[in-house]
Amino acid sequence: MPAVATEKPHLGSTLTGAAVLFVLLRLLAVSHYDWHTAFALLHTLDLEDAPGLFLGTFMADAWISSALLVVMVPLTVFYAVGRRSRAAPLAVAVLVAFLVAHVLSYHRWWMPVGAVVLTALVVLVERMRRLHAQMDFVLRRFGYVVGAVALVVAAVVGTPWVPLERIEVGDDTIEAYVMETSPGFLKVLGAQERGFRILRAEDVRSRVELADH
């Protein structure tokens, strides 16, 4: 019992540290590693923004999300079969739903083919007895693998977790990401130069979301 009691606080502190590092890396990547812009973006975040920030990170860049889905679906299926966890089938269902939505949105029909091929390879390797120990090693450290992938994605994906918009401000038109909407003000991040600006809501004539096709 004491070992379990000490393991849970350690796990909680690890998850908290990973979450803080994830947010920090996202701020730096989105600001193109400009310290002042990252500091300005920090003050646009609230605790309730965490789910949107996390999911938006993986949905913002279409090619990154394509590669992640092709890899993560087979690995999660492998983990679900190997560990027989109750939560794993739910995770598989969510990832498959994301995969279907991604294929329908971007017409990348090679994604399910790639996922099936990779799943077959994983199953084939799992059946090879001489690699059983290595497979068990992967299963026991699946969470660390997922965490490492998440941190790498956070550090390299420069697309913010909110949609790109075309905003008409007076006689000017800009393309920017609206990071926060405050009473009377919009805090935006430029799409190209990544400059941080605060716009008066009364100066904004229109906002149009630019879909990524």
Protein backbone atom coordinates (compact mmCIF):
# COMPACT_ATOMS: atom_id res chain seq x y z
CA MET A 1 0.00 0.00 0.00
CA PRO A 2 2.71 2.59 0.79
CA ALA A 3 4.25 1.98 -2.64
CA VAL A 4 0.91 2.68 -4.33
CA ALA A 5 0.37 5.78 -2.19
CA THR A 6 3.73 7.22 -3.21
CA GLU A 7 3.26 6.28 -6.87
CA LYS A 8 0.03 8.25 -7.34
CA PRO A 9 1.42 11.64 -6.21
CA HIS A 10 4.46 11.00 -8.41
CA LEU A 11 2.20 10.29 -11.39
CA GLY A 12 0.14 13.40 -10.67
CA SER A 13 3.20 15.64 -10.50
CA THR A 14 4.53 14.11 -13.73
CA LEU A 15 1.26 14.79 -15.56
CA THR A 16 1.12 18.34 -14.21
CA GLY A 17 4.68 19.02 -15.29
CA ALA A 18 4.02 17.56 -18.74
CA ALA A 19 0.88 19.70 -19.12
CA VAL A 20 2.77 22.88 -18.18
CA LEU A 21 5.59 21.99 -20.59
CA PHE A 22 3.04 21.29 -23.34
CA VAL A 23 1.45 24.74 -22.93
CA LEU A 24 4.86 26.43 -22.82
CA LEU A 25 6.00 24.70 -26.00
CA ARG A 26 2.75 25.62 -27.74
CA LEU A 27 3.16 29.29 -26.84
CA LEU A 28 6.73 29.30 -28.14
CA ALA A 29 5.93 27.39 -31.34
CA VAL A 30 2.91 29.54 -32.20
CA SER A 31 4.89 32.73 -31.61
CA HIS A 32 7.76 31.36 -33.76
CA TYR A 33 9.84 31.31 -30.58
CA ASP A 34 9.60 35.05 -30.00
CA TRP A 35 9.73 35.65 -26.25
CA HIS A 36 7.64 38.85 -26.22
CA THR A 37 4.87 37.41 -28.39
CA ALA A 38 4.75 34.23 -26.31
CA PHE A 39 4.45 36.35 -23.15
CA ALA A 40 1.57 38.31 -24.67
CA LEU A 41 -0.20 35.08 -25.72
CA LEU A 42 0.17 33.69 -22.22
CA HIS A 43 -2.29 36.26 -20.91
CA THR A 44 -4.95 35.19 -23.40
CA LEU A 45 -5.21 31.71 -21.84
CA ASP A 46 -7.64 30.54 -19.17
CA LEU A 47 -7.96 27.19 -17.44
CA GLU A 48 -11.08 26.36 -19.45
CA ASP A 49 -9.06 26.81 -22.66
CA ALA A 50 -6.97 23.70 -21.91
CA PRO A 51 -9.14 21.14 -23.81
CA GLY A 52 -9.39 23.40 -26.86
CA LEU A 53 -5.65 24.12 -26.78
CA PHE A 54 -4.79 20.42 -26.58
CA LEU A 55 -7.20 19.20 -29.26
CA GLY A 56 -6.64 22.28 -31.43
CA THR A 57 -2.92 21.54 -31.49
CA PHE A 58 -3.47 18.20 -33.21
CA MET A 59 -6.26 19.45 -35.48
CA ALA A 60 -4.60 22.70 -36.60
CA ASP A 61 -2.07 21.24 -39.02
CA ALA A 62 -3.72 18.83 -41.48
CA TRP A 63 -0.56 16.93 -42.41
CA ILE A 64 0.58 16.54 -38.82
CA SER A 65 -2.84 15.24 -37.79
CA SER A 66 -2.86 12.85 -40.78
CA ALA A 67 0.45 11.29 -39.79
CA LEU A 68 -0.50 11.10 -36.12
CA LEU A 69 -3.81 9.39 -36.83
CA VAL A 70 -2.22 6.81 -39.13
CA VAL A 71 0.30 5.95 -36.41
CA MET A 72 -1.78 6.32 -33.25
CA VAL A 73 -4.80 4.25 -34.35
CA PRO A 74 -2.78 1.01 -34.77
CA LEU A 75 -0.72 1.63 -31.63
CA THR A 76 -3.84 2.30 -29.56
CA VAL A 77 -5.50 -0.84 -30.93
CA PHE A 78 -2.37 -2.78 -30.03
CA TYR A 79 -2.43 -1.32 -26.53
CA ALA A 80 -6.15 -2.05 -26.13
CA VAL A 81 -5.66 -5.71 -27.08
CA GLY A 82 -2.50 -6.15 -25.03
CA ARG A 83 -3.65 -4.44 -21.84
CA ARG A 84 -7.40 -5.09 -22.03
CA SER A 85 -8.01 -1.67 -20.49
CA ARG A 86 -11.58 -0.42 -20.18
CA ALA A 87 -10.62 3.05 -21.38
CA ALA A 88 -8.60 1.85 -24.36
CA PRO A 89 -11.60 0.84 -26.55
CA LEU A 90 -13.09 4.30 -26.00
CA ALA A 91 -9.81 5.88 -27.08
CA VAL A 92 -9.78 3.66 -30.17
CA ALA A 93 -13.36 4.69 -31.02
CA VAL A 94 -12.49 8.39 -30.68
CA LEU A 95 -9.40 8.04 -32.87
CA VAL A 96 -11.32 6.11 -35.52
CA ALA A 97 -13.98 8.85 -35.52
CA PHE A 98 -11.24 11.45 -35.99
CA LEU A 99 -9.77 9.35 -38.81
CA VAL A 100 -13.12 9.11 -40.61
CA ALA A 101 -13.76 12.86 -40.24
CA HIS A 102 -10.25 13.63 -41.48
CA VAL A 103 -10.65 11.43 -44.58
CA LEU A 104 -14.04 12.93 -45.42
CA SER A 105 -12.73 16.48 -44.95
CA TYR A 106 -9.44 16.21 -46.83
CA HIS A 107 -10.16 13.19 -49.11
CA ARG A 108 -6.95 11.48 -48.06
CA TRP A 109 -8.06 7.93 -48.69
CA TRP A 110 -4.55 6.62 -48.16
CA MET A 111 -4.90 7.22 -44.42
CA PRO A 112 -7.14 4.23 -43.56
CA VAL A 113 -5.06 2.06 -45.90
CA GLY A 114 -1.91 3.13 -44.09
CA ALA A 115 -3.53 2.54 -40.70
CA VAL A 116 -4.65 -0.97 -41.70
CA VAL A 117 -1.20 -1.85 -43.08
CA LEU A 118 0.52 -0.56 -39.96
CA THR A 119 -1.95 -2.46 -37.76
CA ALA A 120 -1.17 -5.67 -39.66
CA LEU A 121 2.56 -5.08 -39.19
CA VAL A 122 2.12 -4.47 -35.47
CA VAL A 123 0.06 -7.66 -35.08
CA LEU A 124 2.66 -9.63 -37.07
CA VAL A 125 5.49 -8.36 -34.91
CA GLU A 126 3.49 -9.07 -31.73
CA ARG A 127 3.13 -12.72 -32.78
CA MET A 128 6.84 -13.16 -33.14
CA ARG A 129 7.86 -14.78 -29.88
CA ARG A 130 11.43 -13.54 -30.01
CA LEU A 131 10.16 -9.95 -29.80
CA HIS A 132 7.69 -10.61 -27.00
CA ALA A 133 9.86 -8.89 -24.40
CA GLN A 134 10.26 -5.81 -26.57
CA MET A 135 6.49 -5.65 -27.13
CA ASP A 136 5.87 -5.85 -23.40
CA PHE A 137 8.38 -3.05 -22.96
CA VAL A 138 6.36 -0.91 -25.40
CA LEU A 139 3.09 -1.71 -23.67
CA ARG A 140 4.40 -0.74 -20.25
CA ARG A 141 5.68 2.57 -21.59
CA PHE A 142 2.84 3.40 -23.96
CA GLY A 143 1.88 6.46 -21.92
CA TYR A 144 5.41 7.82 -22.10
CA VAL A 145 5.48 7.29 -25.87
CA VAL A 146 2.21 9.19 -26.29
CA GLY A 147 3.45 11.96 -24.00
CA ALA A 148 6.71 12.31 -25.91
CA VAL A 149 4.83 12.50 -29.22
CA ALA A 150 2.52 15.17 -27.78
CA LEU A 151 5.46 17.31 -26.63
CA VAL A 152 7.22 17.01 -29.98
CA VAL A 153 4.05 18.07 -31.79
CA ALA A 154 3.61 20.98 -29.36
CA ALA A 155 7.13 22.17 -30.11
CA VAL A 156 7.02 21.99 -33.91
CA VAL A 157 3.43 22.86 -34.92
CA GLY A 158 3.38 26.60 -35.48
CA THR A 159 -0.32 26.79 -36.34
CA PRO A 160 -2.39 28.16 -33.44
CA TRP A 161 -5.24 26.21 -31.89
CA VAL A 162 -7.89 28.60 -33.24
CA PRO A 163 -9.10 29.05 -36.86
CA LEU A 164 -7.52 31.57 -39.22
CA GLU A 165 -9.78 34.53 -39.99
CA ARG A 166 -9.92 37.35 -42.52
CA ILE A 167 -10.72 40.49 -40.53
CA GLU A 168 -11.74 43.84 -41.99
CA VAL A 169 -10.51 46.64 -39.76
CA GLY A 170 -11.53 50.04 -41.09
CA ASP A 171 -10.16 50.26 -44.63
CA ASP A 172 -7.62 47.49 -44.01
CA THR A 173 -7.98 43.71 -44.26
CA ILE A 174 -5.76 41.35 -42.27
CA GLU A 175 -5.46 37.61 -41.85
CA ALA A 176 -5.03 36.70 -38.22
CA TYR A 177 -5.94 34.31 -35.44
CA VAL A 178 -8.30 35.69 -32.80
CA MET A 179 -6.71 34.46 -29.58
CA GLU A 180 -9.12 36.18 -27.18
CA THR A 181 -12.35 38.15 -27.39
CA SER A 182 -12.71 40.63 -24.54
CA PRO A 183 -15.52 43.15 -24.03
CA GLY A 184 -14.75 45.83 -26.60
CA PHE A 185 -11.46 44.29 -27.77
CA LEU A 186 -10.02 41.47 -29.89
CA LYS A 187 -6.54 40.12 -29.25
CA VAL A 188 -5.17 38.73 -32.51
CA LEU A 189 -2.01 37.06 -33.78
CA GLY A 190 -0.92 37.84 -37.34
CA ALA A 191 -0.91 34.90 -39.73
CA GLN A 192 2.39 35.74 -41.42
CA GLU A 193 4.45 38.07 -39.28
CA ARG A 194 3.03 36.67 -36.01
CA GLY A 195 2.71 40.11 -34.51
CA PHE A 196 0.39 40.43 -31.53
CA ARG A 197 -2.25 43.17 -31.81
CA ILE A 198 -5.23 44.38 -29.80
CA LEU A 199 -8.10 45.59 -31.98
CA ARG A 200 -11.08 47.62 -30.87
CA ALA A 201 -14.27 45.69 -31.53
CA GLU A 202 -15.95 48.82 -32.92
CA ASP A 203 -13.27 49.06 -35.62
CA VAL A 204 -13.88 45.51 -36.85
CA ARG A 205 -16.28 45.54 -39.81
CA SER A 206 -16.37 41.80 -40.53
CA ARG A 207 -14.78 38.47 -39.63
CA VAL A 208 -14.65 35.49 -42.00
CA GLU A 209 -13.21 32.14 -41.01
CA LEU A 210 -10.79 30.75 -43.61
CA ALA A 211 -11.22 27.00 -43.93
CA ASP A 212 -8.12 24.90 -44.61
CA HIS A 213 -8.77 22.74 -47.68
